[in-house]
Amino acid sequence: MVEAAAAAGVQRFIIDDFGWGHNPHSLPEFSAIHAQRRVGWDLAQQKARENPGFTFTGITTGNPIDWAMRKFPMMGFDSAHEAAIIYDSGTEKFTGTTLAGIGQAVVGVLLHPEETANRFVKVLSIVTSQNELLEAFQRATGRQWTVERDSAQRLMESGHRKFEGGNGMWRLELVVAQMFDEGQARCVVAPSWSESDSPLLGVAEESADEVVAKVLQV
């Protein structure tokens, strides 16, 4: 697609990311996936060098937090049953961007072509933890949730075994495990909203209560 876009005279190409971008803290099992993506990223950089009329932007959003928590209870929150899985202490910080924030990031890139040309922008709606989200879910529902305890290490070992055995479920298990791998900060796009590109792009900073309201669709 990069070749076709450059040949067609496209001035701004949004490259395939909407994930963790160039994440040096990612688990090694994801190396092949990242290598495949980097082929497109490297080609976009090459085309931008060769043709000043062609520019690209990668949008690194981290976890699509409201969609992911609604779709994958393994992330720790089963709103249908008001049950939570808290990994380790539940304090590991991670970043997330809501679907509304992701859409705004694309709009923001197009509204700020010079500031976003030929680079990856890092966006987020929230820096949070499982404990903060659990408290927000309980406030929103007005009830205490059932809490089960697990460890990121156990999930990581399970995902590794599935990876070795060719079981496709390894992806979800390792995505969740690296997000909550305590003390590693594997899934932090930027230290804070103000230190990300969110202010430039108009992506709003959201609280745990606001994100949870979107998950519960209230």
C-alpha atoms as a PDB file:
ATOM      1  CA  MET A   1       0.000   0.000   0.000  1.00  0.00           C
ATOM      2  CA  VAL A   2       2.897   2.358   0.642  1.00  0.00           C
ATOM      3  CA  GLU A   3       4.141   1.910  -2.932  1.00  0.00           C
ATOM      4  CA  ALA A   4       0.665   2.528  -4.342  1.00  0.00           C
ATOM      5  CA  ALA A   5       0.095   5.583  -2.152  1.00  0.00           C
ATOM      6  CA  ALA A   6       3.407   7.147  -3.150  1.00  0.00           C
ATOM      7  CA  ALA A   7       2.767   6.435  -6.827  1.00  0.00           C
ATOM      8  CA  ALA A   8      -0.734   7.932  -6.602  1.00  0.00           C
ATOM      9  CA  GLY A   9       0.558  11.191  -5.165  1.00  0.00           C
ATOM     10  CA  VAL A  10      -0.830  10.712  -1.659  1.00  0.00           C
ATOM     11  CA  GLN A  11       0.543  13.506   0.527  1.00  0.00           C
ATOM     12  CA  ARG A  12       0.021  11.860   3.935  1.00  0.00           C
ATOM     13  CA  PHE A  13      -0.044   8.110   4.519  1.00  0.00           C
ATOM     14  CA  ILE A  14      -1.110   6.743   7.911  1.00  0.00           C
ATOM     15  CA  ILE A  15       1.039   3.661   8.358  1.00  0.00           C
ATOM     16  CA  ASP A  16       0.044   0.424  10.063  1.00  0.00           C
ATOM     17  CA  ASP A  17       0.408   0.860  13.807  1.00  0.00           C
ATOM     18  CA  PHE A  18      -2.439   1.801  16.183  1.00  0.00           C
ATOM     19  CA  GLY A  19      -0.582  -0.350  18.705  1.00  0.00           C
ATOM     20  CA  TRP A  20       2.635  -0.031  20.664  1.00  0.00           C
ATOM     21  CA  GLY A  21       4.872   1.251  17.868  1.00  0.00           C
ATOM     22  CA  HIS A  22       8.600   0.833  18.388  1.00  0.00           C
ATOM     23  CA  ASN A  23       8.302  -0.838  21.788  1.00  0.00           C
ATOM     24  CA  PRO A  24      11.679  -2.077  23.088  1.00  0.00           C
ATOM     25  CA  HIS A  25       9.966  -3.627  26.124  1.00  0.00           C
ATOM     26  CA  SER A  26       7.724  -5.974  24.142  1.00  0.00           C
ATOM     27  CA  LEU A  27       8.026  -9.705  24.791  1.00  0.00           C
ATOM     28  CA  PRO A  28      10.199 -11.633  22.301  1.00  0.00           C
ATOM     29  CA  GLU A  29       7.256 -13.720  21.083  1.00  0.00           C
ATOM     30  CA  PHE A  30       5.956 -10.623  19.298  1.00  0.00           C
ATOM     31  CA  SER A  31       9.193 -10.119  17.336  1.00  0.00           C
ATOM     32  CA  ALA A  32       7.908 -11.701  14.121  1.00  0.00           C
ATOM     33  CA  ILE A  33       4.753  -9.575  14.147  1.00  0.00           C
ATOM     34  CA  HIS A  34       6.765  -6.416  14.760  1.00  0.00           C
ATOM     35  CA  ALA A  35       9.274  -7.338  12.046  1.00  0.00           C
ATOM     36  CA  GLN A  36       6.452  -7.696   9.538  1.00  0.00           C
ATOM     37  CA  ARG A  37       5.093  -4.282  10.461  1.00  0.00           C
ATOM     38  CA  ARG A  38       8.530  -2.701  10.311  1.00  0.00           C
ATOM     39  CA  VAL A  39       8.798  -3.648   6.635  1.00  0.00           C
ATOM     40  CA  GLY A  40       5.989  -1.198   5.887  1.00  0.00           C
ATOM     41  CA  TRP A  41       7.345   1.412   8.292  1.00  0.00           C
ATOM     42  CA  ASP A  42      10.817   1.272   6.741  1.00  0.00           C
ATOM     43  CA  LEU A  43       9.376   1.484   3.238  1.00  0.00           C
ATOM     44  CA  ALA A  44       7.374   4.578   4.186  1.00  0.00           C
ATOM     45  CA  GLN A  45      10.536   6.216   5.524  1.00  0.00           C
ATOM     46  CA  GLN A  46      12.367   5.363   2.315  1.00  0.00           C
ATOM     47  CA  LYS A  47       9.611   6.804   0.117  1.00  0.00           C
ATOM     48  CA  ALA A  48       9.509   9.988   2.206  1.00  0.00           C
ATOM     49  CA  ARG A  49      13.266  10.436   1.708  1.00  0.00           C
ATOM     50  CA  GLU A  50      12.981   9.862  -2.033  1.00  0.00           C
ATOM     51  CA  ASN A  51       9.880  11.981  -2.571  1.00  0.00           C
ATOM     52  CA  PRO A  52       9.382  15.176  -0.511  1.00  0.00           C
ATOM     53  CA  GLY A  53       5.739  15.270  -1.613  1.00  0.00           C
ATOM     54  CA  PHE A  54       5.022  12.016   0.217  1.00  0.00           C
ATOM     55  CA  THR A  55       4.834  12.011   4.006  1.00  0.00           C
ATOM     56  CA  PHE A  56       3.749   9.464   6.592  1.00  0.00           C
ATOM     57  CA  THR A  57       2.652   9.291  10.207  1.00  0.00           C
ATOM     58  CA  GLY A  58       2.469   6.333  12.554  1.00  0.00           C
ATOM     59  CA  ILE A  59      -0.090   6.623  15.346  1.00  0.00           C
ATOM     60  CA  THR A  60       0.961   4.741  18.478  1.00  0.00           C
ATOM     61  CA  THR A  61      -2.128   4.399  20.661  1.00  0.00           C
ATOM     62  CA  GLY A  62      -1.284   1.549  23.003  1.00  0.00           C
ATOM     63  CA  ASN A  63      -4.258  -0.362  24.350  1.00  0.00           C
ATOM     64  CA  PRO A  64      -7.677   0.531  22.823  1.00  0.00           C
ATOM     65  CA  ILE A  65      -8.875   0.521  26.388  1.00  0.00           C
ATOM     66  CA  ASP A  66     -12.675   0.828  26.345  1.00  0.00           C
ATOM     67  CA  TRP A  67     -13.087  -1.632  23.461  1.00  0.00           C
ATOM     68  CA  ALA A  68     -10.531  -4.101  24.851  1.00  0.00           C
ATOM     69  CA  MET A  69     -11.967  -4.199  28.369  1.00  0.00           C
ATOM     70  CA  ARG A  70     -15.447  -4.773  26.969  1.00  0.00           C
ATOM     71  CA  LYS A  71     -14.319  -7.547  24.603  1.00  0.00           C
ATOM     72  CA  PHE A  72     -11.661  -9.424  26.604  1.00  0.00           C
ATOM     73  CA  PRO A  73     -12.461 -10.362  30.239  1.00  0.00           C
ATOM     74  CA  MET A  74      -8.899 -11.697  30.484  1.00  0.00           C
ATOM     75  CA  MET A  75      -7.868  -8.048  30.704  1.00  0.00           C
ATOM     76  CA  GLY A  76      -9.271  -8.259  34.193  1.00  0.00           C
ATOM     77  CA  PHE A  77     -12.838  -7.008  34.056  1.00  0.00           C
ATOM     78  CA  ASP A  78     -15.997  -9.008  33.307  1.00  0.00           C
ATOM     79  CA  SER A  79     -18.699  -6.374  33.535  1.00  0.00           C
ATOM     80  CA  ALA A  80     -21.514  -8.830  32.744  1.00  0.00           C
ATOM     81  CA  HIS A  81     -20.751 -10.771  35.928  1.00  0.00           C
ATOM     82  CA  GLU A  82     -19.237  -7.904  37.949  1.00  0.00           C
ATOM     83  CA  ALA A  83     -16.073  -9.937  38.424  1.00  0.00           C
ATOM     84  CA  ALA A  84     -12.427  -8.926  38.229  1.00  0.00           C
ATOM     85  CA  ILE A  85      -9.097 -10.694  37.823  1.00  0.00           C
ATOM     86  CA  ILE A  86      -6.362  -8.644  39.463  1.00  0.00           C
ATOM     87  CA  TYR A  87      -2.834  -9.570  38.427  1.00  0.00           C
ATOM     88  CA  ASP A  88      -0.268  -9.382  41.214  1.00  0.00           C
ATOM     89  CA  SER A  89      -0.715  -6.172  43.231  1.00  0.00           C
ATOM     90  CA  GLY A  90      -2.891  -4.476  40.590  1.00  0.00           C
ATOM     91  CA  THR A  91      -0.706  -1.372  40.661  1.00  0.00           C
ATOM     92  CA  GLU A  92       1.221  -1.739  37.381  1.00  0.00           C
ATOM     93  CA  LYS A  93       0.652   1.391  35.305  1.00  0.00           C
ATOM     94  CA  PHE A  94      -0.270   1.169  31.631  1.00  0.00           C
ATOM     95  CA  THR A  95      -1.652   3.566  29.057  1.00  0.00           C
ATOM     96  CA  GLY A  96      -4.781   3.297  26.982  1.00  0.00           C
ATOM     97  CA  THR A  97      -6.594   5.265  24.320  1.00  0.00           C
ATOM     98  CA  THR A  98     -10.360   5.125  23.916  1.00  0.00           C
ATOM     99  CA  LEU A  99     -11.918   4.554  20.503  1.00  0.00           C
ATOM    100  CA  ALA A 100     -12.982   8.204  20.490  1.00  0.00           C
ATOM    101  CA  GLY A 101      -9.404   9.184  21.261  1.00  0.00           C
ATOM    102  CA  ILE A 102      -8.050   7.033  18.440  1.00  0.00           C
ATOM    103  CA  GLY A 103     -10.443   8.650  15.974  1.00  0.00           C
ATOM    104  CA  GLN A 104      -9.455  12.104  17.189  1.00  0.00           C
ATOM    105  CA  ALA A 105      -5.775  11.221  16.823  1.00  0.00           C
ATOM    106  CA  VAL A 106      -6.291  10.589  13.096  1.00  0.00           C
ATOM    107  CA  VAL A 107      -8.152  13.880  12.740  1.00  0.00           C
ATOM    108  CA  GLY A 108      -5.425  15.645  14.700  1.00  0.00           C
ATOM    109  CA  VAL A 109      -2.691  14.311  12.435  1.00  0.00           C
ATOM    110  CA  LEU A 110      -4.507  15.635   9.373  1.00  0.00           C
ATOM    111  CA  LEU A 111      -5.038  19.010  11.061  1.00  0.00           C
ATOM    112  CA  HIS A 112      -1.346  19.265  12.000  1.00  0.00           C
ATOM    113  CA  PRO A 113       0.498  17.982   8.924  1.00  0.00           C
ATOM    114  CA  GLU A 114       3.791  19.758   9.564  1.00  0.00           C
ATOM    115  CA  GLU A 115       4.129  18.788  13.232  1.00  0.00           C
ATOM    116  CA  THR A 116       3.306  15.142  12.539  1.00  0.00           C
ATOM    117  CA  ALA A 117       5.196  14.552   9.278  1.00  0.00           C
ATOM    118  CA  ASN A 118       7.434  11.495   8.958  1.00  0.00           C
ATOM    119  CA  ARG A 119       7.297  10.348  12.553  1.00  0.00           C
ATOM    120  CA  PHE A 120       5.336   8.304  15.049  1.00  0.00           C
ATOM    121  CA  VAL A 121       3.007  10.229  17.328  1.00  0.00           C
ATOM    122  CA  LYS A 122       2.299   8.814  20.786  1.00  0.00           C
ATOM    123  CA  VAL A 123      -1.205   9.264  22.109  1.00  0.00           C
ATOM    124  CA  LEU A 124      -3.142   8.214  25.178  1.00  0.00           C
ATOM    125  CA  SER A 125      -6.372   8.978  26.963  1.00  0.00           C
ATOM    126  CA  ILE A 126      -5.322   7.673  30.361  1.00  0.00           C
ATOM    127  CA  VAL A 127      -2.467   6.349  32.471  1.00  0.00           C
ATOM    128  CA  THR A 128      -4.040   3.923  34.930  1.00  0.00           C
ATOM    129  CA  SER A 129      -3.812   0.628  36.789  1.00  0.00           C
ATOM    130  CA  GLN A 130      -6.109  -2.310  37.487  1.00  0.00           C
ATOM    131  CA  ASN A 131      -6.805  -1.151  41.024  1.00  0.00           C
ATOM    132  CA  GLU A 132      -7.872   2.295  39.819  1.00  0.00           C
ATOM    133  CA  LEU A 133     -10.166   0.747  37.223  1.00  0.00           C
ATOM    134  CA  LEU A 134     -11.682  -1.719  39.704  1.00  0.00           C
ATOM    135  CA  GLU A 135     -12.550   1.145  42.045  1.00  0.00           C
ATOM    136  CA  ALA A 136     -14.159   2.986  39.124  1.00  0.00           C
ATOM    137  CA  PHE A 137     -16.207  -0.080  38.111  1.00  0.00           C
ATOM    138  CA  GLN A 138     -17.429  -0.489  41.674  1.00  0.00           C
ATOM    139  CA  ARG A 139     -18.386   3.189  41.893  1.00  0.00           C
ATOM    140  CA  ALA A 140     -20.242   2.980  38.588  1.00  0.00           C
ATOM    141  CA  THR A 141     -22.218  -0.136  39.521  1.00  0.00           C
ATOM    142  CA  GLY A 142     -22.659   0.727  43.183  1.00  0.00           C
ATOM    143  CA  ARG A 143     -21.589  -2.767  44.216  1.00  0.00           C
ATOM    144  CA  GLN A 144     -18.470  -4.612  45.303  1.00  0.00           C
ATOM    145  CA  TRP A 145     -17.168  -6.930  42.592  1.00  0.00           C
ATOM    146  CA  THR A 146     -15.980 -10.498  42.990  1.00  0.00           C
ATOM    147  CA  VAL A 147     -12.181 -10.391  42.811  1.00  0.00           C
ATOM    148  CA  GLU A 148      -9.940 -13.282  41.749  1.00  0.00           C
ATOM    149  CA  ARG A 149      -6.160 -13.047  42.087  1.00  0.00           C
ATOM    150  CA  ASP A 150      -3.707 -14.182  39.417  1.00  0.00           C
ATOM    151  CA  SER A 151      -0.135 -13.415  38.400  1.00  0.00           C
ATOM    152  CA  ALA A 152       1.295 -12.008  35.196  1.00  0.00           C
ATOM    153  CA  GLN A 153       4.100 -14.559  35.438  1.00  0.00           C
ATOM    154  CA  ARG A 154       1.661 -17.494  35.388  1.00  0.00           C
ATOM    155  CA  LEU A 155      -0.134 -15.997  32.394  1.00  0.00           C
ATOM    156  CA  MET A 156       3.197 -15.351  30.678  1.00  0.00           C
ATOM    157  CA  GLU A 157       4.259 -18.970  31.152  1.00  0.00           C
ATOM    158  CA  SER A 158       0.907 -20.190  29.819  1.00  0.00           C
ATOM    159  CA  GLY A 159       1.187 -17.924  26.780  1.00  0.00           C
ATOM    160  CA  HIS A 160       4.733 -19.085  26.129  1.00  0.00           C
ATOM    161  CA  ARG A 161       3.628 -22.734  26.164  1.00  0.00           C
ATOM    162  CA  LYS A 162       0.821 -21.927  23.720  1.00  0.00           C
ATOM    163  CA  PHE A 163       3.266 -20.043  21.492  1.00  0.00           C
ATOM    164  CA  GLU A 164       5.610 -23.041  21.425  1.00  0.00           C
ATOM    165  CA  GLY A 165       2.669 -25.357  20.699  1.00  0.00           C
ATOM    166  CA  GLY A 166       1.191 -23.265  17.900  1.00  0.00           C
ATOM    167  CA  ASN A 167      -1.964 -22.336  19.833  1.00  0.00           C
ATOM    168  CA  GLY A 168      -3.142 -18.938  18.599  1.00  0.00           C
ATOM    169  CA  MET A 169      -4.444 -17.974  22.054  1.00  0.00           C
ATOM    170  CA  TRP A 170      -0.851 -17.096  22.988  1.00  0.00           C
ATOM    171  CA  ARG A 171      -1.331 -13.604  21.591  1.00  0.00           C
ATOM    172  CA  LEU A 172      -4.073 -12.565  23.982  1.00  0.00           C
ATOM    173  CA  GLU A 173      -2.393 -14.159  26.990  1.00  0.00           C
ATOM    174  CA  LEU A 174       0.942 -12.482  26.317  1.00  0.00           C
ATOM    175  CA  VAL A 175      -0.629  -9.119  25.473  1.00  0.00           C
ATOM    176  CA  VAL A 176      -2.306  -9.150  28.883  1.00  0.00           C
ATOM    177  CA  ALA A 177       0.736 -10.594  30.669  1.00  0.00           C
ATOM    178  CA  GLN A 178       3.105  -7.927  29.393  1.00  0.00           C
ATOM    179  CA  MET A 179       0.615  -5.188  30.239  1.00  0.00           C
ATOM    180  CA  PHE A 180       0.539  -6.223  33.895  1.00  0.00           C
ATOM    181  CA  ASP A 181       4.132  -7.457  34.262  1.00  0.00           C
ATOM    182  CA  GLU A 182       4.856  -5.703  37.528  1.00  0.00           C
ATOM    183  CA  GLY A 183       7.628  -3.139  37.596  1.00  0.00           C
ATOM    184  CA  GLN A 184       8.456  -3.457  33.881  1.00  0.00           C
ATOM    185  CA  ALA A 185       6.397  -0.605  32.359  1.00  0.00           C
ATOM    186  CA  ARG A 186       6.101  -2.620  29.143  1.00  0.00           C
ATOM    187  CA  CYS A 187       2.900  -0.943  28.017  1.00  0.00           C
ATOM    188  CA  VAL A 188       3.394   2.769  28.628  1.00  0.00           C
ATOM    189  CA  VAL A 189       3.274   4.897  25.479  1.00  0.00           C
ATOM    190  CA  ALA A 190       4.318   8.050  27.366  1.00  0.00           C
ATOM    191  CA  PRO A 191       4.808   8.865  31.050  1.00  0.00           C
ATOM    192  CA  SER A 192       1.772  11.146  31.128  1.00  0.00           C
ATOM    193  CA  TRP A 193      -0.898  12.698  28.933  1.00  0.00           C
ATOM    194  CA  SER A 194       0.955  16.026  28.874  1.00  0.00           C
ATOM    195  CA  GLU A 195       4.181  14.331  27.740  1.00  0.00           C
ATOM    196  CA  SER A 196       2.463  12.573  24.844  1.00  0.00           C
ATOM    197  CA  ASP A 197       1.248  14.002  21.528  1.00  0.00           C
ATOM    198  CA  SER A 198      -2.349  13.969  22.778  1.00  0.00           C
ATOM    199  CA  PRO A 199      -2.505  17.718  23.549  1.00  0.00           C
ATOM    200  CA  LEU A 200      -1.270  18.541  20.036  1.00  0.00           C
ATOM    201  CA  LEU A 201      -3.781  16.208  18.398  1.00  0.00           C
ATOM    202  CA  GLY A 202      -6.755  17.151  20.556  1.00  0.00           C
ATOM    203  CA  VAL A 203      -7.058  13.753  22.246  1.00  0.00           C
ATOM    204  CA  ALA A 204      -8.780  14.381  25.573  1.00  0.00           C
ATOM    205  CA  GLU A 205      -7.368  13.194  28.869  1.00  0.00           C
ATOM    206  CA  GLU A 206      -9.948  10.895  30.494  1.00  0.00           C
ATOM    207  CA  SER A 207     -10.389   9.664  34.050  1.00  0.00           C
ATOM    208  CA  ALA A 208     -10.901   6.054  35.111  1.00  0.00           C
ATOM    209  CA  ASP A 209     -14.566   6.889  35.763  1.00  0.00           C
ATOM    210  CA  GLU A 210     -14.993   8.253  32.232  1.00  0.00           C
ATOM    211  CA  VAL A 211     -13.335   5.227  30.640  1.00  0.00           C
ATOM    212  CA  VAL A 212     -15.407   2.799  32.711  1.00  0.00           C
ATOM    213  CA  ALA A 213     -18.608   4.613  31.712  1.00  0.00           C
ATOM    214  CA  LYS A 214     -17.696   3.907  28.090  1.00  0.00           C
ATOM    215  CA  VAL A 215     -17.043   0.241  28.858  1.00  0.00           C
ATOM    216  CA  LEU A 216     -20.413  -0.063  30.596  1.00  0.00           C
ATOM    217  CA  GLN A 217     -22.008   2.157  27.925  1.00  0.00           C
ATOM    218  CA  VAL A 218     -23.779   4.293  30.508  1.00  0.00           C
END
